[in-house]
């Protein structure tokens, strides 16, 4: 998505530079001008809209569980008594523990790559975060056929492209690029190429400016 949008904004492939930005520093990176746009798993929220402007949304994601392909976990309550990976700094696992499976055992790791390795070894029974992130891991060559998504849709996450606050011109250009990406089927191809067959069922391409409200 980021590459497609950047090219539509007039940048050649050799002019596009990807910069890794920590989640907590995304708004600051835009306001400082370190980056032109932020296109990651960047959910559009009212709190964030006070600091940055958003184009999109371009994808509707949901919090879900990644489990082994032969796992019998089919509902959040099945996690009671099981080990759930918790990533430092993320609230996803804690939310599942607090609202769905109070007897789940949270096992903390430093990142999702470590969680996936723990799932493969049997050290944990499930990993939770947005389904798009989990599907991306499951699509990696070394994990193909080993994992699946539970398909629980525990939340609604409207992914947008962050732009410096007040830069309406760039927002409009990015929105136009996203609409073109959907129209010429490049959006569908990007989903197929990046998420693989791990029981990931993507939502249709969202309409620009239409935000799906949080689940109650």
N, C-alpha and C. Protein backbone atom coordinates (compact mmCIF):
# COMPACT_ATOMS: atom_id res chain seq x y z
N UNK A 1 0.83 -1.20 0.00
CA UNK A 1 0.00 0.00 0.00
C UNK A 1 0.87 1.25 0.00
N UNK A 2 1.87 1.27 0.87
CA UNK A 2 2.72 2.46 0.97
C UNK A 2 3.46 2.72 -0.34
N UNK A 3 3.97 1.66 -0.96
CA UNK A 3 4.69 1.83 -2.23
C UNK A 3 3.76 2.33 -3.32
N UNK A 4 2.58 1.77 -3.41
CA UNK A 4 1.60 2.19 -4.42
C UNK A 4 1.26 3.66 -4.23
N UNK A 5 0.96 4.05 -2.99
CA UNK A 5 0.58 5.44 -2.71
C UNK A 5 1.73 6.39 -3.03
N UNK A 6 2.95 6.02 -2.62
CA UNK A 6 4.10 6.89 -2.88
C UNK A 6 4.31 7.12 -4.37
N UNK A 7 4.15 6.07 -5.16
CA UNK A 7 4.31 6.21 -6.61
C UNK A 7 3.22 7.12 -7.18
N UNK A 8 1.99 7.00 -6.66
CA UNK A 8 0.90 7.87 -7.11
C UNK A 8 1.15 9.32 -6.71
N UNK A 9 1.92 9.53 -5.65
CA UNK A 9 2.27 10.89 -5.24
C UNK A 9 3.42 11.45 -6.05
N UNK A 10 3.97 10.65 -6.96
CA UNK A 10 4.99 11.15 -7.86
C UNK A 10 6.41 10.73 -7.55
N UNK A 11 6.59 9.80 -6.61
CA UNK A 11 7.93 9.35 -6.25
C UNK A 11 8.31 8.10 -7.04
N UNK A 12 9.55 8.09 -7.55
CA UNK A 12 10.07 6.89 -8.20
C UNK A 12 10.48 5.88 -7.13
N UNK A 13 10.66 4.64 -7.56
CA UNK A 13 11.01 3.58 -6.61
C UNK A 13 12.28 3.91 -5.82
N UNK A 14 13.28 4.52 -6.49
CA UNK A 14 14.54 4.82 -5.81
C UNK A 14 14.44 6.04 -4.90
N UNK A 15 13.29 6.72 -4.92
CA UNK A 15 13.08 7.87 -4.04
C UNK A 15 12.29 7.51 -2.78
N UNK A 16 11.80 6.29 -2.74
CA UNK A 16 10.98 5.86 -1.60
C UNK A 16 11.88 5.25 -0.53
N UNK A 17 11.84 5.82 0.65
CA UNK A 17 12.64 5.31 1.77
C UNK A 17 11.71 4.88 2.90
N UNK A 18 11.85 3.64 3.33
CA UNK A 18 11.05 3.14 4.44
C UNK A 18 11.84 3.34 5.74
N UNK A 19 11.20 3.97 6.71
CA UNK A 19 11.84 4.28 7.98
C UNK A 19 11.08 3.58 9.10
N UNK A 20 11.78 2.78 9.90
CA UNK A 20 11.12 2.09 11.01
C UNK A 20 10.82 3.10 12.12
N UNK A 21 9.59 3.10 12.57
CA UNK A 21 9.16 4.04 13.60
C UNK A 21 8.44 3.29 14.70
N UNK A 22 8.83 3.53 15.95
CA UNK A 22 8.16 2.89 17.07
C UNK A 22 6.74 3.42 17.20
N UNK A 23 5.84 2.57 17.66
CA UNK A 23 4.43 2.94 17.76
C UNK A 23 4.24 4.22 18.55
N UNK A 24 4.94 4.35 19.65
CA UNK A 24 4.74 5.51 20.53
C UNK A 24 5.29 6.80 19.93
N UNK A 25 6.09 6.71 18.86
CA UNK A 25 6.73 7.89 18.29
C UNK A 25 6.16 8.27 16.93
N UNK A 26 5.09 7.63 16.50
CA UNK A 26 4.58 7.88 15.15
C UNK A 26 4.10 9.31 14.97
N UNK A 27 3.33 9.82 15.94
CA UNK A 27 2.82 11.18 15.82
C UNK A 27 3.96 12.20 15.79
N UNK A 28 4.96 11.98 16.64
CA UNK A 28 6.11 12.89 16.69
C UNK A 28 6.90 12.86 15.39
N UNK A 29 7.04 11.68 14.79
CA UNK A 29 7.79 11.56 13.53
C UNK A 29 7.12 12.37 12.43
N UNK A 30 5.80 12.38 12.41
CA UNK A 30 5.07 13.18 11.42
C UNK A 30 5.21 14.67 11.70
N UNK A 31 5.03 15.07 12.95
CA UNK A 31 5.07 16.49 13.28
C UNK A 31 6.46 17.08 13.08
N UNK A 32 7.51 16.27 13.31
CA UNK A 32 8.88 16.74 13.10
C UNK A 32 9.25 16.77 11.63
N UNK A 33 8.49 16.07 10.81
CA UNK A 33 8.82 16.00 9.39
C UNK A 33 9.82 14.91 9.07
N UNK A 34 10.03 13.97 10.00
CA UNK A 34 10.96 12.86 9.75
C UNK A 34 10.45 11.98 8.61
N UNK A 35 9.13 11.87 8.50
CA UNK A 35 8.50 11.06 7.45
C UNK A 35 7.35 11.86 6.84
N UNK A 36 7.02 11.53 5.59
CA UNK A 36 5.91 12.20 4.89
C UNK A 36 4.58 11.57 5.26
N UNK A 37 4.54 10.25 5.27
CA UNK A 37 3.33 9.52 5.65
C UNK A 37 3.72 8.34 6.53
N UNK A 38 2.77 7.86 7.31
CA UNK A 38 2.97 6.63 8.07
C UNK A 38 1.90 5.65 7.64
N UNK A 39 2.35 4.52 7.09
CA UNK A 39 1.44 3.47 6.64
C UNK A 39 1.88 2.18 7.32
N UNK A 40 1.24 1.86 8.40
CA UNK A 40 1.54 0.63 9.13
C UNK A 40 0.21 0.15 9.68
N UNK A 41 0.24 -0.60 10.75
CA UNK A 41 -1.01 -1.00 11.40
C UNK A 41 -1.43 0.16 12.30
N UNK A 42 -1.84 1.25 11.65
CA UNK A 42 -2.07 2.54 12.33
C UNK A 42 -3.57 2.78 12.40
N UNK A 43 -4.18 2.37 13.50
CA UNK A 43 -5.64 2.47 13.64
C UNK A 43 -6.07 3.92 13.82
N UNK A 44 -7.12 4.30 13.12
CA UNK A 44 -7.68 5.65 13.23
C UNK A 44 -8.49 5.73 14.52
N UNK A 45 -8.09 6.62 15.43
CA UNK A 45 -8.83 6.82 16.68
C UNK A 45 -9.02 8.32 16.90
N UNK A 46 -10.02 8.66 17.71
CA UNK A 46 -10.28 10.07 18.01
C UNK A 46 -9.09 10.70 18.71
N UNK A 47 -8.43 9.95 19.58
CA UNK A 47 -7.27 10.48 20.29
C UNK A 47 -6.14 10.82 19.32
N UNK A 48 -5.87 9.93 18.39
CA UNK A 48 -4.79 10.18 17.43
C UNK A 48 -5.13 11.31 16.47
N UNK A 49 -6.42 11.46 16.15
CA UNK A 49 -6.82 12.52 15.21
C UNK A 49 -6.61 13.91 15.79
N UNK A 50 -6.38 14.01 17.07
CA UNK A 50 -6.06 15.30 17.67
C UNK A 50 -4.63 15.73 17.32
N UNK A 51 -3.79 14.76 16.94
CA UNK A 51 -2.38 15.04 16.69
C UNK A 51 -1.98 14.90 15.23
N UNK A 52 -2.68 14.06 14.48
CA UNK A 52 -2.35 13.84 13.06
C UNK A 52 -3.63 13.80 12.25
N UNK A 53 -3.50 13.95 10.94
CA UNK A 53 -4.62 13.75 10.03
C UNK A 53 -4.48 12.37 9.39
N UNK A 54 -5.59 11.80 9.02
CA UNK A 54 -5.59 10.46 8.44
C UNK A 54 -6.22 10.45 7.06
N UNK A 55 -5.59 9.73 6.14
CA UNK A 55 -6.22 9.35 4.88
C UNK A 55 -6.75 7.93 5.08
N UNK A 56 -7.73 7.56 4.27
CA UNK A 56 -8.29 6.22 4.40
C UNK A 56 -9.63 6.23 5.09
N UNK A 57 -9.98 5.09 5.70
CA UNK A 57 -9.17 3.89 5.95
C UNK A 57 -8.95 3.06 4.68
N UNK A 58 -7.91 2.20 4.74
CA UNK A 58 -7.62 1.34 3.60
C UNK A 58 -7.77 -0.14 3.95
N UNK A 59 -7.98 -0.45 5.24
CA UNK A 59 -8.18 -1.84 5.65
C UNK A 59 -8.92 -1.87 6.98
N UNK A 60 -9.90 -2.76 7.07
CA UNK A 60 -10.58 -3.01 8.35
C UNK A 60 -10.05 -4.32 8.92
N UNK A 61 -9.37 -4.22 10.05
CA UNK A 61 -8.80 -5.40 10.71
C UNK A 61 -9.57 -5.68 12.00
N UNK A 62 -9.30 -6.84 12.58
CA UNK A 62 -9.96 -7.24 13.83
C UNK A 62 -8.94 -7.94 14.72
N UNK A 63 -9.05 -7.73 16.03
CA UNK A 63 -8.23 -8.52 16.94
C UNK A 63 -8.68 -9.97 16.85
N UNK A 64 -7.70 -10.88 16.80
CA UNK A 64 -8.01 -12.29 16.64
C UNK A 64 -6.97 -13.12 17.38
N UNK A 65 -7.08 -14.43 17.26
CA UNK A 65 -6.11 -15.36 17.84
C UNK A 65 -5.43 -16.13 16.72
N UNK A 66 -4.10 -16.31 16.84
CA UNK A 66 -3.37 -17.23 15.98
C UNK A 66 -3.09 -18.48 16.80
N UNK A 67 -3.45 -19.63 16.24
CA UNK A 67 -3.30 -20.90 16.94
C UNK A 67 -2.68 -21.93 15.99
N UNK A 68 -2.26 -23.07 16.51
CA UNK A 68 -1.73 -24.11 15.65
C UNK A 68 -2.82 -24.65 14.73
N UNK A 69 -2.42 -25.13 13.58
CA UNK A 69 -3.38 -25.58 12.57
C UNK A 69 -4.28 -26.70 13.08
N UNK A 70 -3.77 -27.50 14.02
CA UNK A 70 -4.57 -28.61 14.55
C UNK A 70 -5.21 -28.29 15.91
N UNK A 71 -5.18 -27.02 16.31
CA UNK A 71 -5.74 -26.63 17.60
C UNK A 71 -7.26 -26.73 17.60
N UNK A 72 -7.82 -27.07 18.77
CA UNK A 72 -9.28 -27.14 18.89
C UNK A 72 -9.86 -25.87 19.52
N UNK A 73 -9.05 -24.82 19.67
CA UNK A 73 -9.56 -23.55 20.19
C UNK A 73 -10.46 -22.91 19.13
N UNK A 74 -11.70 -22.66 19.49
CA UNK A 74 -12.65 -22.07 18.53
C UNK A 74 -13.37 -20.86 19.09
N UNK A 75 -13.15 -20.57 20.37
CA UNK A 75 -13.83 -19.47 21.04
C UNK A 75 -12.88 -18.87 22.07
N UNK A 76 -13.07 -17.60 22.39
CA UNK A 76 -12.19 -16.96 23.35
C UNK A 76 -12.18 -17.64 24.71
N UNK A 77 -13.32 -18.19 25.12
CA UNK A 77 -13.40 -18.85 26.42
C UNK A 77 -12.57 -20.14 26.47
N UNK A 78 -12.24 -20.68 25.30
CA UNK A 78 -11.40 -21.88 25.25
C UNK A 78 -9.99 -21.61 25.77
N UNK A 79 -9.64 -20.32 25.92
CA UNK A 79 -8.30 -19.97 26.40
C UNK A 79 -8.17 -20.12 27.91
N UNK A 80 -9.28 -20.27 28.62
CA UNK A 80 -9.20 -20.49 30.07
C UNK A 80 -8.35 -21.73 30.35
N UNK A 81 -7.31 -21.52 31.19
CA UNK A 81 -6.40 -22.61 31.51
C UNK A 81 -5.29 -22.80 30.50
N UNK A 82 -5.32 -22.02 29.41
CA UNK A 82 -4.29 -22.12 28.37
C UNK A 82 -3.34 -20.92 28.45
N UNK A 83 -2.21 -21.03 27.78
CA UNK A 83 -1.18 -19.99 27.80
C UNK A 83 -1.36 -19.06 26.59
N UNK A 84 -1.46 -17.77 26.87
CA UNK A 84 -1.66 -16.76 25.83
C UNK A 84 -0.48 -15.82 25.81
N UNK A 85 0.11 -15.63 24.64
CA UNK A 85 1.28 -14.76 24.53
C UNK A 85 0.89 -13.30 24.73
N UNK A 86 1.65 -12.63 25.56
CA UNK A 86 1.45 -11.21 25.82
C UNK A 86 2.73 -10.46 25.46
N UNK A 87 2.60 -9.49 24.56
CA UNK A 87 3.76 -8.70 24.12
C UNK A 87 3.90 -7.46 25.00
N UNK A 88 5.11 -7.20 25.45
CA UNK A 88 5.35 -6.03 26.28
C UNK A 88 4.89 -4.76 25.57
N UNK A 89 4.07 -3.97 26.25
CA UNK A 89 3.58 -2.72 25.67
C UNK A 89 2.27 -2.84 24.93
N UNK A 90 1.77 -4.06 24.72
CA UNK A 90 0.50 -4.27 24.03
C UNK A 90 -0.58 -4.63 25.04
N UNK A 91 -1.80 -4.17 24.79
CA UNK A 91 -2.92 -4.47 25.69
C UNK A 91 -3.80 -5.60 25.16
N UNK A 92 -3.47 -6.15 23.99
CA UNK A 92 -4.35 -7.15 23.35
C UNK A 92 -4.60 -8.36 24.23
N UNK A 93 -3.53 -8.97 24.74
CA UNK A 93 -3.68 -10.18 25.55
C UNK A 93 -4.38 -9.86 26.87
N UNK A 94 -4.05 -8.73 27.46
CA UNK A 94 -4.68 -8.34 28.72
C UNK A 94 -6.18 -8.14 28.53
N UNK A 95 -6.57 -7.57 27.40
CA UNK A 95 -7.99 -7.38 27.11
C UNK A 95 -8.73 -8.71 27.04
N UNK A 96 -8.11 -9.70 26.37
CA UNK A 96 -8.72 -11.03 26.29
C UNK A 96 -8.86 -11.63 27.69
N UNK A 97 -7.80 -11.49 28.48
CA UNK A 97 -7.81 -12.02 29.85
C UNK A 97 -8.91 -11.36 30.69
N UNK A 98 -9.03 -10.04 30.57
CA UNK A 98 -9.96 -9.30 31.42
C UNK A 98 -11.42 -9.48 31.01
N UNK A 99 -11.68 -9.68 29.71
CA UNK A 99 -13.06 -9.65 29.24
C UNK A 99 -13.61 -11.01 28.78
N UNK A 100 -12.73 -11.94 28.42
CA UNK A 100 -13.21 -13.19 27.82
C UNK A 100 -12.74 -14.43 28.57
N UNK A 101 -11.45 -14.47 28.89
CA UNK A 101 -10.86 -15.69 29.47
C UNK A 101 -10.04 -15.34 30.71
N UNK A 102 -10.70 -15.11 31.85
CA UNK A 102 -9.98 -14.67 33.06
C UNK A 102 -9.01 -15.71 33.62
N UNK A 103 -9.14 -16.96 33.19
CA UNK A 103 -8.23 -18.00 33.67
C UNK A 103 -7.11 -18.31 32.68
N UNK A 104 -7.01 -17.50 31.63
CA UNK A 104 -5.89 -17.65 30.69
C UNK A 104 -4.60 -17.24 31.39
N UNK A 105 -3.52 -17.93 31.07
CA UNK A 105 -2.22 -17.61 31.65
C UNK A 105 -1.45 -16.74 30.66
N UNK A 106 -1.14 -15.51 31.05
CA UNK A 106 -0.41 -14.60 30.17
C UNK A 106 1.08 -14.86 30.29
N UNK A 107 1.73 -15.10 29.16
CA UNK A 107 3.17 -15.30 29.11
C UNK A 107 3.77 -14.16 28.29
N UNK A 108 4.59 -13.34 28.93
CA UNK A 108 5.08 -12.13 28.26
C UNK A 108 6.37 -12.38 27.48
N UNK A 109 6.38 -11.85 26.25
CA UNK A 109 7.56 -11.89 25.38
C UNK A 109 7.81 -10.47 24.87
N UNK A 110 9.00 -10.26 24.32
CA UNK A 110 9.38 -8.90 23.91
C UNK A 110 8.74 -8.46 22.60
N UNK A 111 8.35 -9.41 21.75
CA UNK A 111 7.77 -9.04 20.46
C UNK A 111 6.98 -10.18 19.86
N UNK A 112 6.30 -9.90 18.75
CA UNK A 112 5.45 -10.93 18.14
C UNK A 112 6.25 -12.04 17.48
N UNK A 113 7.44 -11.74 17.01
CA UNK A 113 8.28 -12.81 16.44
C UNK A 113 8.58 -13.87 17.50
N UNK A 114 8.85 -13.40 18.73
CA UNK A 114 9.11 -14.32 19.83
C UNK A 114 7.84 -15.10 20.19
N UNK A 115 6.69 -14.42 20.12
CA UNK A 115 5.42 -15.10 20.38
C UNK A 115 5.16 -16.22 19.38
N UNK A 116 5.43 -15.94 18.11
CA UNK A 116 5.20 -16.94 17.07
C UNK A 116 6.11 -18.14 17.28
N UNK A 117 7.36 -17.88 17.65
CA UNK A 117 8.30 -18.97 17.93
C UNK A 117 7.81 -19.79 19.13
N UNK A 118 7.27 -19.11 20.14
CA UNK A 118 6.75 -19.80 21.32
C UNK A 118 5.52 -20.64 20.97
N UNK A 119 4.70 -20.13 20.06
CA UNK A 119 3.53 -20.89 19.61
C UNK A 119 3.97 -22.15 18.87
N UNK A 120 4.97 -22.01 18.03
CA UNK A 120 5.46 -23.16 17.27
C UNK A 120 6.04 -24.23 18.18
N UNK A 121 6.73 -23.81 19.24
CA UNK A 121 7.37 -24.77 20.15
C UNK A 121 6.40 -25.36 21.17
N UNK A 122 5.22 -24.75 21.30
CA UNK A 122 4.26 -25.22 22.28
C UNK A 122 4.35 -24.53 23.63
N UNK A 123 5.22 -23.52 23.73
CA UNK A 123 5.36 -22.78 24.99
C UNK A 123 4.11 -21.95 25.29
N UNK A 124 3.37 -21.55 24.25
CA UNK A 124 2.07 -20.89 24.41
C UNK A 124 1.07 -21.56 23.49
N UNK A 125 -0.20 -21.36 23.78
CA UNK A 125 -1.27 -21.99 22.99
C UNK A 125 -1.88 -21.05 21.96
N UNK A 126 -1.66 -19.74 22.14
CA UNK A 126 -2.25 -18.77 21.22
C UNK A 126 -1.52 -17.44 21.30
N UNK A 127 -1.60 -16.69 20.21
CA UNK A 127 -1.06 -15.33 20.14
C UNK A 127 -2.21 -14.43 19.71
N UNK A 128 -2.32 -13.25 20.31
CA UNK A 128 -3.40 -12.36 19.92
C UNK A 128 -2.89 -10.96 19.57
N UNK A 129 -3.38 -10.46 18.46
CA UNK A 129 -3.24 -9.06 18.04
C UNK A 129 -4.15 -8.93 16.82
N UNK A 130 -3.94 -7.91 15.98
CA UNK A 130 -4.79 -7.74 14.80
C UNK A 130 -4.62 -8.91 13.83
N UNK A 131 -5.73 -9.33 13.22
CA UNK A 131 -5.68 -10.49 12.31
C UNK A 131 -4.75 -10.27 11.13
N UNK A 132 -4.63 -9.03 10.67
CA UNK A 132 -3.75 -8.75 9.54
C UNK A 132 -2.28 -9.00 9.90
N UNK A 133 -1.90 -8.66 11.12
CA UNK A 133 -0.53 -8.90 11.58
C UNK A 133 -0.28 -10.39 11.72
N UNK A 134 -1.22 -11.07 12.34
CA UNK A 134 -1.08 -12.52 12.55
C UNK A 134 -1.03 -13.27 11.22
N UNK A 135 -1.88 -12.86 10.27
CA UNK A 135 -1.90 -13.51 8.96
C UNK A 135 -0.58 -13.30 8.23
N UNK A 136 0.02 -12.13 8.42
CA UNK A 136 1.31 -11.85 7.80
C UNK A 136 2.39 -12.80 8.30
N UNK A 137 2.41 -13.05 9.60
CA UNK A 137 3.37 -14.02 10.16
C UNK A 137 3.09 -15.42 9.62
N UNK A 138 1.81 -15.82 9.64
CA UNK A 138 1.45 -17.17 9.21
C UNK A 138 1.78 -17.41 7.75
N UNK A 139 1.84 -16.33 6.95
CA UNK A 139 2.13 -16.46 5.52
C UNK A 139 3.61 -16.61 5.23
N UNK A 140 4.47 -16.38 6.24
CA UNK A 140 5.90 -16.53 6.03
C UNK A 140 6.22 -17.99 5.70
N UNK A 141 7.20 -18.16 4.83
CA UNK A 141 7.49 -19.49 4.27
C UNK A 141 7.69 -20.56 5.34
N UNK A 142 8.42 -20.22 6.41
CA UNK A 142 8.72 -21.24 7.43
C UNK A 142 7.51 -21.63 8.27
N UNK A 143 6.42 -20.85 8.17
CA UNK A 143 5.23 -21.13 8.98
C UNK A 143 4.03 -21.59 8.17
N UNK A 144 4.14 -21.65 6.87
CA UNK A 144 2.99 -22.00 6.03
C UNK A 144 2.43 -23.37 6.41
N UNK A 145 1.12 -23.41 6.62
CA UNK A 145 0.45 -24.65 6.97
C UNK A 145 0.51 -25.03 8.43
N UNK A 146 1.23 -24.26 9.24
CA UNK A 146 1.41 -24.62 10.64
C UNK A 146 0.42 -23.91 11.57
N UNK A 147 -0.08 -22.75 11.15
CA UNK A 147 -0.95 -21.96 12.00
C UNK A 147 -2.24 -21.60 11.28
N UNK A 148 -3.23 -21.17 12.07
CA UNK A 148 -4.48 -20.66 11.50
C UNK A 148 -5.06 -19.60 12.43
N UNK A 149 -5.91 -18.75 11.86
CA UNK A 149 -6.62 -17.76 12.66
C UNK A 149 -7.91 -18.38 13.19
N UNK A 150 -8.27 -18.00 14.42
CA UNK A 150 -9.50 -18.52 15.01
C UNK A 150 -10.74 -17.85 14.42
N UNK A 151 -10.57 -16.65 13.86
CA UNK A 151 -11.69 -15.95 13.21
C UNK A 151 -12.69 -15.36 14.19
N UNK A 152 -12.20 -14.81 15.31
CA UNK A 152 -13.09 -14.33 16.37
C UNK A 152 -13.56 -12.88 16.21
N UNK A 153 -12.80 -12.05 15.50
CA UNK A 153 -13.17 -10.64 15.28
C UNK A 153 -13.53 -9.95 16.60
N UNK A 154 -12.55 -9.83 17.48
CA UNK A 154 -12.77 -9.29 18.81
C UNK A 154 -12.83 -7.77 18.86
N UNK A 155 -12.41 -7.10 17.79
CA UNK A 155 -12.44 -5.63 17.75
C UNK A 155 -12.51 -5.17 16.30
N UNK A 156 -12.76 -3.89 16.10
CA UNK A 156 -12.68 -3.27 14.77
C UNK A 156 -11.53 -2.28 14.76
N UNK A 157 -10.59 -2.47 13.84
CA UNK A 157 -9.43 -1.59 13.71
C UNK A 157 -9.41 -1.02 12.30
N UNK A 158 -9.67 0.28 12.18
CA UNK A 158 -9.68 0.96 10.88
C UNK A 158 -8.28 1.49 10.60
N UNK A 159 -7.53 0.82 9.71
CA UNK A 159 -6.17 1.25 9.41
C UNK A 159 -6.19 2.44 8.46
N UNK A 160 -5.50 3.49 8.85
CA UNK A 160 -5.39 4.67 8.00
C UNK A 160 -3.93 5.00 7.72
N UNK A 161 -3.72 6.00 6.88
CA UNK A 161 -2.37 6.49 6.59
C UNK A 161 -2.23 7.85 7.26
N UNK A 162 -1.29 7.92 8.18
CA UNK A 162 -1.10 9.14 8.94
C UNK A 162 -0.34 10.20 8.16
N UNK A 163 -0.80 11.44 8.30
CA UNK A 163 -0.20 12.59 7.62
C UNK A 163 -0.07 13.72 8.65
N UNK A 164 0.90 14.58 8.46
CA UNK A 164 1.11 15.69 9.39
C UNK A 164 -0.18 16.50 9.54
N UNK A 165 -0.49 16.88 10.77
CA UNK A 165 -1.71 17.63 11.07
C UNK A 165 -1.79 18.90 10.22
N UNK A 166 -2.91 19.08 9.54
CA UNK A 166 -3.12 20.27 8.72
C UNK A 166 -2.72 20.13 7.27
N UNK A 167 -2.09 19.01 6.91
CA UNK A 167 -1.64 18.82 5.52
C UNK A 167 -2.78 18.21 4.69
N UNK A 168 -3.80 19.01 4.46
CA UNK A 168 -4.99 18.54 3.75
C UNK A 168 -4.67 18.12 2.32
N UNK A 169 -3.74 18.80 1.69
CA UNK A 169 -3.38 18.48 0.31
C UNK A 169 -2.88 17.04 0.19
N UNK A 170 -1.99 16.64 1.10
CA UNK A 170 -1.47 15.27 1.06
C UNK A 170 -2.56 14.26 1.39
N UNK A 171 -3.42 14.57 2.35
CA UNK A 171 -4.53 13.68 2.68
C UNK A 171 -5.38 13.42 1.45
N UNK A 172 -5.72 14.48 0.72
CA UNK A 172 -6.56 14.33 -0.48
C UNK A 172 -5.86 13.50 -1.55
N UNK A 173 -4.56 13.72 -1.72
CA UNK A 173 -3.81 12.96 -2.73
C UNK A 173 -3.72 11.48 -2.35
N UNK A 174 -3.50 11.21 -1.07
CA UNK A 174 -3.42 9.82 -0.62
C UNK A 174 -4.77 9.13 -0.77
N UNK A 175 -5.84 9.83 -0.43
CA UNK A 175 -7.18 9.26 -0.60
C UNK A 175 -7.46 8.92 -2.06
N UNK A 176 -7.05 9.81 -2.96
CA UNK A 176 -7.24 9.56 -4.39
C UNK A 176 -6.45 8.33 -4.83
N UNK A 177 -5.23 8.19 -4.30
CA UNK A 177 -4.39 7.03 -4.63
C UNK A 177 -5.03 5.74 -4.11
N UNK A 178 -5.58 5.78 -2.91
CA UNK A 178 -6.22 4.59 -2.34
C UNK A 178 -7.45 4.19 -3.14
N UNK A 179 -8.23 5.17 -3.57
CA UNK A 179 -9.41 4.88 -4.39
C UNK A 179 -9.01 4.24 -5.72
N UNK A 180 -7.92 4.74 -6.30
CA UNK A 180 -7.43 4.18 -7.56
C UNK A 180 -6.92 2.76 -7.34
N UNK A 181 -6.26 2.53 -6.21
CA UNK A 181 -5.72 1.20 -5.90
C UNK A 181 -6.83 0.16 -5.82
N UNK A 182 -7.95 0.55 -5.23
CA UNK A 182 -9.10 -0.37 -5.15
C UNK A 182 -9.70 -0.58 -6.53
N UNK A 183 -9.86 0.50 -7.28
CA UNK A 183 -10.52 0.44 -8.59
C UNK A 183 -9.75 -0.43 -9.58
N UNK A 184 -8.42 -0.34 -9.57
CA UNK A 184 -7.64 -1.12 -10.54
C UNK A 184 -7.22 -2.50 -10.02
N UNK A 185 -7.82 -2.92 -8.88
CA UNK A 185 -7.63 -4.26 -8.31
C UNK A 185 -6.26 -4.49 -7.68
N UNK A 186 -5.44 -3.44 -7.60
CA UNK A 186 -4.14 -3.60 -6.95
C UNK A 186 -4.32 -3.86 -5.45
N UNK A 187 -5.39 -3.35 -4.88
CA UNK A 187 -5.68 -3.58 -3.46
C UNK A 187 -5.93 -5.07 -3.21
N UNK A 188 -6.75 -5.70 -4.06
CA UNK A 188 -7.03 -7.13 -3.92
C UNK A 188 -5.75 -7.96 -4.04
N UNK A 189 -4.90 -7.58 -4.98
CA UNK A 189 -3.65 -8.33 -5.18
C UNK A 189 -2.75 -8.20 -3.96
N UNK A 190 -2.70 -6.99 -3.37
CA UNK A 190 -1.86 -6.78 -2.20
C UNK A 190 -2.32 -7.65 -1.03
N UNK A 191 -3.62 -7.78 -0.86
CA UNK A 191 -4.16 -8.63 0.21
C UNK A 191 -3.78 -10.09 -0.03
N UNK A 192 -3.97 -10.56 -1.26
CA UNK A 192 -3.66 -11.95 -1.59
C UNK A 192 -2.18 -12.25 -1.44
N UNK A 193 -1.33 -11.30 -1.83
CA UNK A 193 0.11 -11.53 -1.80
C UNK A 193 0.68 -11.52 -0.39
N UNK A 194 0.06 -10.76 0.52
CA UNK A 194 0.68 -10.53 1.82
C UNK A 194 0.09 -11.34 2.98
N UNK A 195 -1.11 -11.86 2.82
CA UNK A 195 -1.75 -12.47 3.98
C UNK A 195 -1.88 -13.98 3.92
N UNK A 196 -1.76 -14.58 2.76
CA UNK A 196 -1.71 -16.03 2.70
C UNK A 196 -3.00 -16.73 3.09
N UNK A 197 -2.93 -18.07 3.21
CA UNK A 197 -4.14 -18.89 3.37
C UNK A 197 -4.44 -19.34 4.80
N UNK A 198 -3.98 -18.63 5.83
CA UNK A 198 -4.10 -19.11 7.22
C UNK A 198 -5.48 -18.80 7.82
N UNK A 199 -6.54 -19.09 7.06
CA UNK A 199 -7.91 -18.83 7.49
C UNK A 199 -8.19 -17.34 7.62
N UNK A 200 -7.39 -16.50 6.94
CA UNK A 200 -7.62 -15.06 6.99
C UNK A 200 -8.68 -14.68 5.97
N UNK A 201 -9.75 -14.09 6.47
CA UNK A 201 -10.85 -13.65 5.61
C UNK A 201 -10.94 -12.13 5.71
N UNK A 202 -10.35 -11.45 4.73
CA UNK A 202 -10.34 -9.99 4.80
C UNK A 202 -11.72 -9.41 4.53
N UNK A 203 -11.94 -8.25 5.12
CA UNK A 203 -13.15 -7.49 4.82
C UNK A 203 -12.98 -6.85 3.44
N UNK A 204 -14.09 -6.50 2.78
CA UNK A 204 -13.97 -5.76 1.52
C UNK A 204 -13.25 -4.44 1.74
N UNK A 205 -12.70 -3.90 0.68
CA UNK A 205 -12.00 -2.61 0.79
C UNK A 205 -12.95 -1.56 1.36
N UNK A 206 -12.56 -0.87 2.42
CA UNK A 206 -13.45 0.11 3.03
C UNK A 206 -13.61 1.36 2.16
N UNK A 207 -14.70 2.06 2.36
CA UNK A 207 -14.91 3.33 1.66
C UNK A 207 -14.13 4.42 2.37
N UNK A 208 -13.50 5.28 1.59
CA UNK A 208 -12.70 6.36 2.15
C UNK A 208 -13.56 7.22 3.07
N UNK A 209 -13.05 7.47 4.27
CA UNK A 209 -13.75 8.33 5.22
C UNK A 209 -14.81 7.65 6.06
N UNK A 210 -15.09 6.38 5.80
CA UNK A 210 -16.12 5.66 6.55
C UNK A 210 -15.45 4.79 7.63
N UNK A 211 -15.70 5.13 8.88
CA UNK A 211 -15.08 4.43 10.00
C UNK A 211 -16.08 3.47 10.64
N UNK A 212 -15.69 2.21 10.75
CA UNK A 212 -16.53 1.22 11.43
C UNK A 212 -16.34 1.41 12.93
N UNK A 213 -17.42 1.62 13.68
CA UNK A 213 -17.28 1.91 15.12
C UNK A 213 -16.73 0.74 15.91
N UNK A 214 -16.17 1.02 17.10
CA UNK A 214 -15.63 -0.05 17.94
C UNK A 214 -16.72 -1.03 18.35
N UNK A 215 -16.30 -2.27 18.62
CA UNK A 215 -17.25 -3.25 19.14
C UNK A 215 -17.52 -2.96 20.60
N UNK A 216 -18.76 -3.13 21.00
CA UNK A 216 -19.16 -2.85 22.38
C UNK A 216 -18.89 -4.07 23.28
